[in-house]
Amino acid sequence: MRPSGNARTLDLPLSFLDAGKSYVAEIYRDGNQADYRSERRFDLVIDKRTVKSTDTIRMVLAPGGGQAIRLVPAG
């Protein structure tokens, strides 16, 4: 993906995960006020949730932002 100074929303299908298994997604995402052009450029939120291969993660990226997701088997 090319770097962008624009906010954007992307959907990440998790179909690459093993079917029938659950995973814990540790999601490191831009905070609601994040913007590389302001003092809030380091606004970060860390979420955790259980996901499966049938799920999709909606990624809302701030201007100049990004997201990292760590997936580990649940249990």
N, C-alpha and C. Protein backbone atom coordinates (compact mmCIF):
# COMPACT_ATOMS: atom_id res chain seq x y z
N MET A 1 0.85 -1.17 0.00
CA MET A 1 0.00 0.00 0.00
C MET A 1 0.90 1.24 0.00
N ARG A 2 0.56 2.21 -0.78
CA ARG A 2 1.30 3.47 -0.82
C ARG A 2 0.96 4.31 0.40
N PRO A 3 1.96 5.02 0.95
CA PRO A 3 1.67 5.95 2.05
C PRO A 3 0.71 7.04 1.57
N SER A 4 -0.13 7.49 2.47
CA SER A 4 -1.11 8.51 2.09
C SER A 4 -1.31 9.49 3.23
N GLY A 5 -1.45 10.75 2.91
CA GLY A 5 -1.76 11.75 3.91
C GLY A 5 -3.26 11.89 4.14
N ASN A 6 -4.03 11.04 3.51
CA ASN A 6 -5.49 11.10 3.63
C ASN A 6 -6.00 10.05 4.60
N ALA A 7 -7.07 10.37 5.32
CA ALA A 7 -7.74 9.38 6.14
C ALA A 7 -8.39 8.36 5.22
N ARG A 8 -8.48 7.12 5.67
CA ARG A 8 -9.11 6.09 4.85
C ARG A 8 -9.64 4.96 5.71
N THR A 9 -10.52 4.19 5.15
CA THR A 9 -11.10 3.04 5.82
C THR A 9 -10.91 1.82 4.93
N LEU A 10 -10.41 0.75 5.53
CA LEU A 10 -10.16 -0.49 4.79
C LEU A 10 -10.79 -1.65 5.54
N ASP A 11 -11.26 -2.65 4.82
CA ASP A 11 -11.77 -3.87 5.44
C ASP A 11 -10.76 -4.98 5.22
N LEU A 12 -10.42 -5.69 6.30
CA LEU A 12 -9.46 -6.78 6.25
C LEU A 12 -10.18 -8.09 6.54
N PRO A 13 -10.48 -8.88 5.50
CA PRO A 13 -11.09 -10.19 5.73
C PRO A 13 -10.06 -11.12 6.37
N LEU A 14 -10.48 -11.89 7.34
CA LEU A 14 -9.57 -12.78 8.06
C LEU A 14 -9.64 -14.21 7.53
N SER A 15 -10.02 -14.38 6.28
CA SER A 15 -10.18 -15.70 5.67
C SER A 15 -8.88 -16.48 5.61
N PHE A 16 -7.74 -15.84 5.81
CA PHE A 16 -6.46 -16.53 5.82
C PHE A 16 -6.22 -17.32 7.11
N LEU A 17 -7.05 -17.08 8.14
CA LEU A 17 -6.92 -17.82 9.41
C LEU A 17 -7.48 -19.23 9.25
N ASP A 18 -7.02 -20.14 10.11
CA ASP A 18 -7.53 -21.51 10.09
C ASP A 18 -9.01 -21.52 10.45
N ALA A 19 -9.82 -22.17 9.62
CA ALA A 19 -11.26 -22.28 9.86
C ALA A 19 -11.52 -23.06 11.15
N GLY A 20 -12.52 -22.62 11.89
CA GLY A 20 -12.92 -23.32 13.10
C GLY A 20 -12.10 -22.99 14.33
N LYS A 21 -11.07 -22.18 14.18
CA LYS A 21 -10.23 -21.78 15.32
C LYS A 21 -10.51 -20.33 15.69
N SER A 22 -10.33 -20.02 16.96
CA SER A 22 -10.47 -18.64 17.44
C SER A 22 -9.09 -18.06 17.71
N TYR A 23 -8.99 -16.77 17.52
CA TYR A 23 -7.74 -16.04 17.72
C TYR A 23 -8.02 -14.78 18.53
N VAL A 24 -7.01 -14.33 19.26
CA VAL A 24 -7.09 -13.03 19.93
C VAL A 24 -6.36 -12.04 19.03
N ALA A 25 -7.08 -11.01 18.61
CA ALA A 25 -6.49 -9.94 17.80
C ALA A 25 -6.12 -8.79 18.72
N GLU A 26 -4.83 -8.47 18.78
CA GLU A 26 -4.36 -7.28 19.49
C GLU A 26 -4.19 -6.21 18.42
N ILE A 27 -5.06 -5.21 18.49
CA ILE A 27 -5.13 -4.20 17.43
C ILE A 27 -4.54 -2.88 17.93
N TYR A 28 -3.48 -2.44 17.28
CA TYR A 28 -2.84 -1.17 17.60
C TYR A 28 -3.27 -0.20 16.50
N ARG A 29 -4.15 0.74 16.86
CA ARG A 29 -4.76 1.59 15.83
C ARG A 29 -4.64 3.07 16.19
N ASP A 30 -4.88 3.90 15.18
CA ASP A 30 -4.91 5.34 15.39
C ASP A 30 -6.05 5.69 16.33
N GLY A 31 -5.80 6.61 17.25
CA GLY A 31 -6.86 7.13 18.11
C GLY A 31 -7.79 8.03 17.31
N ASN A 32 -8.91 8.35 17.90
CA ASN A 32 -9.91 9.16 17.21
C ASN A 32 -9.42 10.56 16.83
N GLN A 33 -8.44 11.07 17.55
CA GLN A 33 -7.92 12.41 17.28
C GLN A 33 -6.59 12.40 16.52
N ALA A 34 -6.10 11.22 16.14
CA ALA A 34 -4.79 11.12 15.48
C ALA A 34 -4.78 11.85 14.14
N ASP A 35 -3.68 12.55 13.90
CA ASP A 35 -3.47 13.27 12.65
C ASP A 35 -2.00 13.68 12.63
N TYR A 36 -1.28 13.27 11.61
CA TYR A 36 0.16 13.54 11.56
C TYR A 36 0.49 15.04 11.53
N ARG A 37 -0.50 15.87 11.24
CA ARG A 37 -0.27 17.32 11.13
C ARG A 37 -0.51 18.06 12.44
N SER A 38 -0.82 17.32 13.52
CA SER A 38 -1.17 17.99 14.78
C SER A 38 -0.39 17.40 15.95
N GLU A 39 -0.59 17.99 17.10
CA GLU A 39 0.03 17.48 18.33
C GLU A 39 -0.50 16.11 18.71
N ARG A 40 -1.61 15.70 18.11
CA ARG A 40 -2.21 14.39 18.41
C ARG A 40 -1.69 13.29 17.49
N ARG A 41 -0.56 13.53 16.82
CA ARG A 41 -0.05 12.56 15.86
C ARG A 41 0.31 11.21 16.49
N PHE A 42 0.51 11.18 17.81
CA PHE A 42 0.86 9.93 18.48
C PHE A 42 -0.34 9.30 19.19
N ASP A 43 -1.55 9.79 18.92
CA ASP A 43 -2.75 9.24 19.55
C ASP A 43 -2.92 7.78 19.12
N LEU A 44 -2.88 6.88 20.10
CA LEU A 44 -2.89 5.44 19.83
C LEU A 44 -3.87 4.75 20.76
N VAL A 45 -4.56 3.75 20.23
CA VAL A 45 -5.49 2.93 21.01
C VAL A 45 -5.09 1.47 20.80
N ILE A 46 -5.10 0.69 21.88
CA ILE A 46 -4.84 -0.74 21.78
C ILE A 46 -6.11 -1.48 22.19
N ASP A 47 -6.64 -2.26 21.26
CA ASP A 47 -7.85 -3.05 21.50
C ASP A 47 -7.51 -4.53 21.43
N LYS A 48 -8.30 -5.35 22.11
CA LYS A 48 -8.20 -6.80 22.00
C LYS A 48 -9.58 -7.35 21.77
N ARG A 49 -9.67 -8.33 20.86
CA ARG A 49 -10.94 -9.01 20.66
C ARG A 49 -10.69 -10.38 20.05
N THR A 50 -11.65 -11.26 20.25
CA THR A 50 -11.57 -12.60 19.69
C THR A 50 -12.16 -12.59 18.29
N VAL A 51 -11.43 -13.23 17.35
CA VAL A 51 -11.86 -13.26 15.95
C VAL A 51 -11.75 -14.68 15.41
N LYS A 52 -12.42 -14.90 14.26
CA LYS A 52 -12.38 -16.17 13.53
C LYS A 52 -12.16 -15.88 12.05
N SER A 53 -11.96 -16.92 11.29
CA SER A 53 -11.69 -16.76 9.86
C SER A 53 -12.87 -16.16 9.09
N THR A 54 -14.05 -16.19 9.68
CA THR A 54 -15.23 -15.63 9.00
C THR A 54 -15.41 -14.13 9.30
N ASP A 55 -14.56 -13.57 10.15
CA ASP A 55 -14.68 -12.16 10.54
C ASP A 55 -13.91 -11.24 9.58
N THR A 56 -14.26 -9.98 9.65
CA THR A 56 -13.56 -8.92 8.93
C THR A 56 -13.27 -7.81 9.92
N ILE A 57 -12.05 -7.28 9.88
CA ILE A 57 -11.68 -6.15 10.74
C ILE A 57 -11.74 -4.89 9.90
N ARG A 58 -12.53 -3.94 10.35
CA ARG A 58 -12.60 -2.63 9.69
C ARG A 58 -11.49 -1.75 10.27
N MET A 59 -10.61 -1.27 9.40
CA MET A 59 -9.49 -0.44 9.82
C MET A 59 -9.77 1.00 9.42
N VAL A 60 -9.87 1.87 10.41
CA VAL A 60 -10.07 3.30 10.17
C VAL A 60 -8.72 3.97 10.42
N LEU A 61 -8.12 4.46 9.36
CA LEU A 61 -6.77 5.03 9.45
C LEU A 61 -6.84 6.56 9.41
N ALA A 62 -6.13 7.17 10.32
CA ALA A 62 -6.04 8.63 10.38
C ALA A 62 -5.18 9.14 9.22
N PRO A 63 -5.24 10.43 8.93
CA PRO A 63 -4.33 10.99 7.92
C PRO A 63 -2.88 10.66 8.29
N GLY A 64 -2.17 10.01 7.39
CA GLY A 64 -0.79 9.63 7.65
C GLY A 64 -0.65 8.49 8.64
N GLY A 65 -1.74 7.84 8.99
CA GLY A 65 -1.72 6.82 10.04
C GLY A 65 -1.55 5.42 9.52
N GLY A 66 -1.73 4.49 10.44
CA GLY A 66 -1.59 3.08 10.10
C GLY A 66 -2.18 2.21 11.18
N GLN A 67 -1.94 0.92 11.06
CA GLN A 67 -2.47 -0.02 12.03
C GLN A 67 -1.62 -1.28 12.02
N ALA A 68 -1.49 -1.89 13.19
CA ALA A 68 -0.80 -3.18 13.32
C ALA A 68 -1.74 -4.12 14.06
N ILE A 69 -1.75 -5.37 13.65
CA ILE A 69 -2.59 -6.36 14.29
C ILE A 69 -1.76 -7.60 14.57
N ARG A 70 -1.76 -8.02 15.83
CA ARG A 70 -1.09 -9.25 16.24
C ARG A 70 -2.16 -10.29 16.48
N LEU A 71 -2.06 -11.43 15.81
CA LEU A 71 -3.03 -12.50 15.95
C LEU A 71 -2.38 -13.70 16.64
N VAL A 72 -2.97 -14.15 17.75
CA VAL A 72 -2.46 -15.32 18.46
C VAL A 72 -3.62 -16.28 18.71
N PRO A 73 -3.38 -17.59 18.64
CA PRO A 73 -4.45 -18.54 18.89
C PRO A 73 -5.05 -18.32 20.29
N ALA A 74 -6.37 -18.36 20.38
CA ALA A 74 -7.05 -18.18 21.66
C ALA A 74 -6.91 -19.46 22.48
N GLY A 75 -6.89 -19.27 23.81
CA GLY A 75 -6.84 -20.44 24.69
C GLY A 75 -5.50 -20.85 24.92
